[in-house]
Amino acid sequence: MAKKELEALVVEQKILSRIYVVRGQKVMLDEDLAEMYKVETRRLNEQVKRNINRFPKDFMFALSAKEWENLMSQNATSSWGGRRKLPSAFTEQGIAMLSSILNSDVAIEVNIRIIRVFTKLREYALTHKEILLQLSKLEKEVKGNSKDIENIFMVLKELLEKQRSPLPPRNRIGFKQYD
């Protein structure tokens, strides 16, 4: 594996580790994005506030105290120091919109990588969805065949029971010998 490919994998893993599911959506937090863009979190949030009309609720939302606490406990985040405000969570569309307000080369490059990771996640989810659909289809077929299999076993049992029961005596066929 080439050095560039390895670096790209490391970056992808770093991005993946910072994608959380909150309110049923894959999001990234403002502080993680700010670190990746190499800006302070407050500067990122200032730019968002200045352009708030670009960030509807399905692009960005503030985490509730309970959601933030839950994320901190999942990631064993230290409560030392801390934030004055609850973090903002950006969806994939919100992250794409960030590239229009953060116009540095670093921000553009990071945005491209993040969007690629989100795209891979979506493709991965679609692949798994197709597999699950195939499994459910197979399960339905097996359930439909279970009655047939049950009938086959009933017939086999009947045949075995008939074989066990004593047969009535029969007259011998063939030549009789005389003494």
C-alpha atoms as a PDB file:
ATOM      1  CA  MET A   1       0.000   0.000   0.000  1.00  0.00           C
ATOM      2  CA  ALA A   2       1.400   3.390  -0.973  1.00  0.00           C
ATOM      3  CA  LYS A   3       2.078   6.031   1.643  1.00  0.00           C
ATOM      4  CA  LYS A   4      -0.690   8.318   0.294  1.00  0.00           C
ATOM      5  CA  GLU A   5      -3.254   5.503   0.419  1.00  0.00           C
ATOM      6  CA  LEU A   6      -2.285   4.706   3.998  1.00  0.00           C
ATOM      7  CA  GLU A   7      -2.570   8.362   5.007  1.00  0.00           C
ATOM      8  CA  ALA A   8      -6.001   8.549   3.352  1.00  0.00           C
ATOM      9  CA  LEU A   9      -7.147   5.474   5.298  1.00  0.00           C
ATOM     10  CA  VAL A  10      -5.950   6.985   8.558  1.00  0.00           C
ATOM     11  CA  VAL A  11      -7.805  10.221   7.805  1.00  0.00           C
ATOM     12  CA  GLU A  12     -10.957   8.285   6.891  1.00  0.00           C
ATOM     13  CA  GLN A  13     -10.782   6.336  10.144  1.00  0.00           C
ATOM     14  CA  LYS A  14     -10.325   9.569  12.080  1.00  0.00           C
ATOM     15  CA  ILE A  15     -13.403  11.036  10.372  1.00  0.00           C
ATOM     16  CA  LEU A  16     -15.439   7.848  10.915  1.00  0.00           C
ATOM     17  CA  SER A  17     -14.612   7.850  14.608  1.00  0.00           C
ATOM     18  CA  ARG A  18     -16.111  11.348  14.876  1.00  0.00           C
ATOM     19  CA  ILE A  19     -19.408  10.611  13.178  1.00  0.00           C
ATOM     20  CA  TYR A  20     -22.180  10.050  15.700  1.00  0.00           C
ATOM     21  CA  VAL A  21     -25.809   9.095  15.359  1.00  0.00           C
ATOM     22  CA  VAL A  22     -28.013  11.639  17.104  1.00  0.00           C
ATOM     23  CA  ARG A  23     -31.782  11.865  16.603  1.00  0.00           C
ATOM     24  CA  GLY A  24     -31.475   9.154  13.970  1.00  0.00           C
ATOM     25  CA  GLN A  25     -29.050  11.198  11.849  1.00  0.00           C
ATOM     26  CA  LYS A  26     -25.324  10.844  11.240  1.00  0.00           C
ATOM     27  CA  VAL A  27     -23.698  14.031  12.503  1.00  0.00           C
ATOM     28  CA  MET A  28     -20.361  15.555  13.386  1.00  0.00           C
ATOM     29  CA  LEU A  29     -19.837  17.964  16.265  1.00  0.00           C
ATOM     30  CA  ASP A  30     -18.611  21.528  15.882  1.00  0.00           C
ATOM     31  CA  GLU A  31     -15.502  20.948  17.982  1.00  0.00           C
ATOM     32  CA  ASP A  32     -14.419  17.941  15.899  1.00  0.00           C
ATOM     33  CA  LEU A  33     -14.988  19.845  12.674  1.00  0.00           C
ATOM     34  CA  ALA A  34     -13.113  22.868  13.986  1.00  0.00           C
ATOM     35  CA  GLU A  35     -10.155  20.681  14.897  1.00  0.00           C
ATOM     36  CA  MET A  36     -10.118  19.130  11.430  1.00  0.00           C
ATOM     37  CA  TYR A  37     -10.428  22.547   9.744  1.00  0.00           C
ATOM     38  CA  LYS A  38      -7.631  23.806  12.005  1.00  0.00           C
ATOM     39  CA  VAL A  39      -9.720  26.666  13.418  1.00  0.00           C
ATOM     40  CA  GLU A  40     -11.009  27.381  16.912  1.00  0.00           C
ATOM     41  CA  THR A  41     -14.475  26.067  17.719  1.00  0.00           C
ATOM     42  CA  ARG A  42     -15.691  29.557  18.588  1.00  0.00           C
ATOM     43  CA  ARG A  43     -14.501  30.864  15.198  1.00  0.00           C
ATOM     44  CA  LEU A  44     -16.366  28.117  13.386  1.00  0.00           C
ATOM     45  CA  ASN A  45     -19.513  28.893  15.393  1.00  0.00           C
ATOM     46  CA  GLU A  46     -19.110  32.634  14.721  1.00  0.00           C
ATOM     47  CA  GLN A  47     -19.083  31.970  10.979  1.00  0.00           C
ATOM     48  CA  VAL A  48     -22.152  29.766  11.308  1.00  0.00           C
ATOM     49  CA  LYS A  49     -23.971  32.498  13.290  1.00  0.00           C
ATOM     50  CA  ARG A  50     -23.098  35.085  10.641  1.00  0.00           C
ATOM     51  CA  ASN A  51     -24.571  32.785   7.990  1.00  0.00           C
ATOM     52  CA  ILE A  52     -27.326  31.160  10.040  1.00  0.00           C
ATOM     53  CA  ASN A  53     -29.817  31.301   7.142  1.00  0.00           C
ATOM     54  CA  ARG A  54     -27.643  28.680   5.371  1.00  0.00           C
ATOM     55  CA  PHE A  55     -28.176  26.196   8.228  1.00  0.00           C
ATOM     56  CA  PRO A  56     -31.787  25.067   8.634  1.00  0.00           C
ATOM     57  CA  LYS A  57     -32.600  22.531  11.363  1.00  0.00           C
ATOM     58  CA  ASP A  58     -31.994  19.561   9.075  1.00  0.00           C
ATOM     59  CA  PHE A  59     -28.440  20.851   8.410  1.00  0.00           C
ATOM     60  CA  MET A  60     -27.468  21.776  11.973  1.00  0.00           C
ATOM     61  CA  PHE A  61     -28.948  21.608  15.463  1.00  0.00           C
ATOM     62  CA  ALA A  62     -27.808  22.153  19.033  1.00  0.00           C
ATOM     63  CA  LEU A  63     -27.520  19.054  21.170  1.00  0.00           C
ATOM     64  CA  SER A  64     -29.656  18.848  24.291  1.00  0.00           C
ATOM     65  CA  ALA A  65     -27.913  18.462  27.641  1.00  0.00           C
ATOM     66  CA  LYS A  66     -29.010  14.814  27.795  1.00  0.00           C
ATOM     67  CA  GLU A  67     -27.682  14.066  24.284  1.00  0.00           C
ATOM     68  CA  TRP A  68     -24.359  15.724  25.110  1.00  0.00           C
ATOM     69  CA  GLU A  69     -24.091  13.807  28.373  1.00  0.00           C
ATOM     70  CA  ASN A  70     -24.843  10.564  26.541  1.00  0.00           C
ATOM     71  CA  LEU A  71     -22.143  11.249  23.932  1.00  0.00           C
ATOM     72  CA  MET A  72     -19.621  12.141  26.634  1.00  0.00           C
ATOM     73  CA  SER A  73     -20.317   8.905  28.508  1.00  0.00           C
ATOM     74  CA  GLN A  74     -20.021   6.812  25.323  1.00  0.00           C
ATOM     75  CA  ASN A  75     -16.669   8.332  24.463  1.00  0.00           C
ATOM     76  CA  ALA A  76     -15.259   8.645  27.986  1.00  0.00           C
ATOM     77  CA  THR A  77     -14.745  12.367  27.456  1.00  0.00           C
ATOM     78  CA  SER A  78     -13.261  14.230  30.383  1.00  0.00           C
ATOM     79  CA  SER A  79     -15.506  16.749  32.070  1.00  0.00           C
ATOM     80  CA  TRP A  80     -12.468  18.791  33.110  1.00  0.00           C
ATOM     81  CA  GLY A  81     -12.585  22.261  31.646  1.00  0.00           C
ATOM     82  CA  GLY A  82     -15.434  22.008  29.238  1.00  0.00           C
ATOM     83  CA  ARG A  83     -17.730  24.134  27.157  1.00  0.00           C
ATOM     84  CA  ARG A  84     -19.959  27.021  28.056  1.00  0.00           C
ATOM     85  CA  LYS A  85     -22.530  26.123  25.415  1.00  0.00           C
ATOM     86  CA  LEU A  86     -23.844  22.834  24.180  1.00  0.00           C
ATOM     87  CA  PRO A  87     -22.218  21.705  20.937  1.00  0.00           C
ATOM     88  CA  SER A  88     -23.790  22.014  17.525  1.00  0.00           C
ATOM     89  CA  ALA A  89     -24.271  18.898  15.436  1.00  0.00           C
ATOM     90  CA  PHE A  90     -23.889  19.150  11.663  1.00  0.00           C
ATOM     91  CA  THR A  91     -25.504  16.692   9.263  1.00  0.00           C
ATOM     92  CA  GLU A  92     -23.890  15.790   5.955  1.00  0.00           C
ATOM     93  CA  GLN A  93     -25.686  18.694   4.263  1.00  0.00           C
ATOM     94  CA  GLY A  94     -24.570  21.066   7.027  1.00  0.00           C
ATOM     95  CA  ILE A  95     -20.968  19.980   6.601  1.00  0.00           C
ATOM     96  CA  ALA A  96     -21.241  20.597   2.861  1.00  0.00           C
ATOM     97  CA  MET A  97     -22.629  24.056   3.618  1.00  0.00           C
ATOM     98  CA  LEU A  98     -19.672  24.764   5.915  1.00  0.00           C
ATOM     99  CA  SER A  99     -17.397  24.690   2.880  1.00  0.00           C
ATOM    100  CA  SER A 100     -19.204  27.732   1.519  1.00  0.00           C
ATOM    101  CA  ILE A 101     -18.557  29.815   4.644  1.00  0.00           C
ATOM    102  CA  LEU A 102     -15.095  28.509   5.560  1.00  0.00           C
ATOM    103  CA  ASN A 103     -13.113  29.383   2.481  1.00  0.00           C
ATOM    104  CA  SER A 104      -9.631  28.149   3.362  1.00  0.00           C
ATOM    105  CA  ASP A 105      -7.768  25.489   1.402  1.00  0.00           C
ATOM    106  CA  VAL A 106      -7.688  23.245   4.491  1.00  0.00           C
ATOM    107  CA  ALA A 107     -11.454  23.556   4.970  1.00  0.00           C
ATOM    108  CA  ILE A 108     -12.130  22.683   1.346  1.00  0.00           C
ATOM    109  CA  GLU A 109      -9.815  19.643   1.422  1.00  0.00           C
ATOM    110  CA  VAL A 110     -11.258  18.389   4.725  1.00  0.00           C
ATOM    111  CA  ASN A 111     -14.808  18.914   3.479  1.00  0.00           C
ATOM    112  CA  ILE A 112     -14.135  16.821   0.396  1.00  0.00           C
ATOM    113  CA  ARG A 113     -12.778  13.988   2.564  1.00  0.00           C
ATOM    114  CA  ILE A 114     -15.716  14.165   4.975  1.00  0.00           C
ATOM    115  CA  ILE A 115     -18.280  14.082   2.162  1.00  0.00           C
ATOM    116  CA  ARG A 116     -16.488  11.068   0.657  1.00  0.00           C
ATOM    117  CA  VAL A 117     -16.682   9.244   3.988  1.00  0.00           C
ATOM    118  CA  PHE A 118     -20.398  10.020   4.302  1.00  0.00           C
ATOM    119  CA  THR A 119     -20.885   8.725   0.735  1.00  0.00           C
ATOM    120  CA  LYS A 120     -19.069   5.481   1.590  1.00  0.00           C
ATOM    121  CA  LEU A 121     -21.243   5.077   4.681  1.00  0.00           C
ATOM    122  CA  ARG A 122     -24.373   5.495   2.580  1.00  0.00           C
ATOM    123  CA  GLU A 123     -23.130   2.952   0.015  1.00  0.00           C
ATOM    124  CA  TYR A 124     -22.263   0.531   2.817  1.00  0.00           C
ATOM    125  CA  ALA A 125     -25.734   0.930   4.317  1.00  0.00           C
ATOM    126  CA  LEU A 126     -27.375   0.347   0.921  1.00  0.00           C
ATOM    127  CA  THR A 127     -25.334  -2.816   0.383  1.00  0.00           C
ATOM    128  CA  HIS A 128     -26.402  -4.133   3.772  1.00  0.00           C
ATOM    129  CA  LYS A 129     -29.995  -3.204   3.027  1.00  0.00           C
ATOM    130  CA  GLU A 130     -29.909  -5.277  -0.172  1.00  0.00           C
ATOM    131  CA  ILE A 131     -28.497  -8.249   1.739  1.00  0.00           C
ATOM    132  CA  LEU A 132     -31.213  -7.922   4.386  1.00  0.00           C
ATOM    133  CA  LEU A 133     -33.885  -7.807   1.676  1.00  0.00           C
ATOM    134  CA  GLN A 134     -32.485 -10.987   0.116  1.00  0.00           C
ATOM    135  CA  LEU A 135     -32.472 -12.712   3.515  1.00  0.00           C
ATOM    136  CA  SER A 136     -36.076 -11.758   4.212  1.00  0.00           C
ATOM    137  CA  LYS A 137     -37.094 -13.013   0.756  1.00  0.00           C
ATOM    138  CA  LEU A 138     -35.303 -16.315   1.452  1.00  0.00           C
ATOM    139  CA  GLU A 139     -36.963 -16.554   4.853  1.00  0.00           C
ATOM    140  CA  LYS A 140     -40.399 -16.141   3.246  1.00  0.00           C
ATOM    141  CA  GLU A 141     -39.589 -18.897   0.746  1.00  0.00           C
ATOM    142  CA  VAL A 142     -38.470 -21.233   3.526  1.00  0.00           C
ATOM    143  CA  LYS A 143     -41.630 -20.484   5.508  1.00  0.00           C
ATOM    144  CA  GLY A 144     -43.709 -21.253   2.407  1.00  0.00           C
ATOM    145  CA  ASN A 145     -41.889 -24.565   2.000  1.00  0.00           C
ATOM    146  CA  SER A 146     -42.262 -25.572   5.633  1.00  0.00           C
ATOM    147  CA  LYS A 147     -45.825 -26.836   5.043  1.00  0.00           C
ATOM    148  CA  ASP A 148     -44.611 -28.988   2.156  1.00  0.00           C
ATOM    149  CA  ILE A 149     -41.804 -30.394   4.291  1.00  0.00           C
ATOM    150  CA  GLU A 150     -44.291 -31.051   7.112  1.00  0.00           C
ATOM    151  CA  ASN A 151     -46.560 -32.979   4.700  1.00  0.00           C
ATOM    152  CA  ILE A 152     -43.618 -35.071   3.478  1.00  0.00           C
ATOM    153  CA  PHE A 153     -42.774 -36.046   7.061  1.00  0.00           C
ATOM    154  CA  MET A 154     -46.404 -36.992   7.740  1.00  0.00           C
ATOM    155  CA  VAL A 155     -46.460 -39.296   4.720  1.00  0.00           C
ATOM    156  CA  LEU A 156     -43.130 -40.854   5.734  1.00  0.00           C
ATOM    157  CA  LYS A 157     -44.442 -41.495   9.265  1.00  0.00           C
ATOM    158  CA  GLU A 158     -47.556 -43.165   7.862  1.00  0.00           C
ATOM    159  CA  LEU A 159     -45.398 -45.418   5.678  1.00  0.00           C
ATOM    160  CA  LEU A 160     -43.183 -46.350   8.613  1.00  0.00           C
ATOM    161  CA  GLU A 161     -46.220 -47.144  10.798  1.00  0.00           C
ATOM    162  CA  LYS A 162     -47.687 -49.380   8.084  1.00  0.00           C
ATOM    163  CA  GLN A 163     -44.377 -51.192   7.830  1.00  0.00           C
ATOM    164  CA  ARG A 164     -44.318 -51.860  11.579  1.00  0.00           C
ATOM    165  CA  SER A 165     -47.844 -53.243  11.785  1.00  0.00           C
ATOM    166  CA  PRO A 166     -48.006 -57.030  11.288  1.00  0.00           C
ATOM    167  CA  LEU A 167     -49.198 -58.132   7.884  1.00  0.00           C
ATOM    168  CA  PRO A 168     -52.102 -60.589   7.702  1.00  0.00           C
ATOM    169  CA  PRO A 169     -51.052 -64.158   6.803  1.00  0.00           C
ATOM    170  CA  ARG A 170     -51.075 -64.837   3.085  1.00  0.00           C
ATOM    171  CA  ASN A 171     -51.471 -67.944   1.070  1.00  0.00           C
ATOM    172  CA  ARG A 172     -48.241 -69.152  -0.399  1.00  0.00           C
ATOM    173  CA  ILE A 173     -47.844 -68.867  -4.076  1.00  0.00           C
ATOM    174  CA  GLY A 174     -46.026 -71.413  -6.163  1.00  0.00           C
ATOM    175  CA  PHE A 175     -45.620 -75.172  -6.452  1.00  0.00           C
ATOM    176  CA  LYS A 176     -46.577 -77.364  -3.588  1.00  0.00           C
ATOM    177  CA  GLN A 177     -44.412 -80.290  -2.702  1.00  0.00           C
ATOM    178  CA  TYR A 178     -45.979 -83.633  -1.932  1.00  0.00           C
ATOM    179  CA  ASP A 179     -44.342 -86.105   0.383  1.00  0.00           C
END
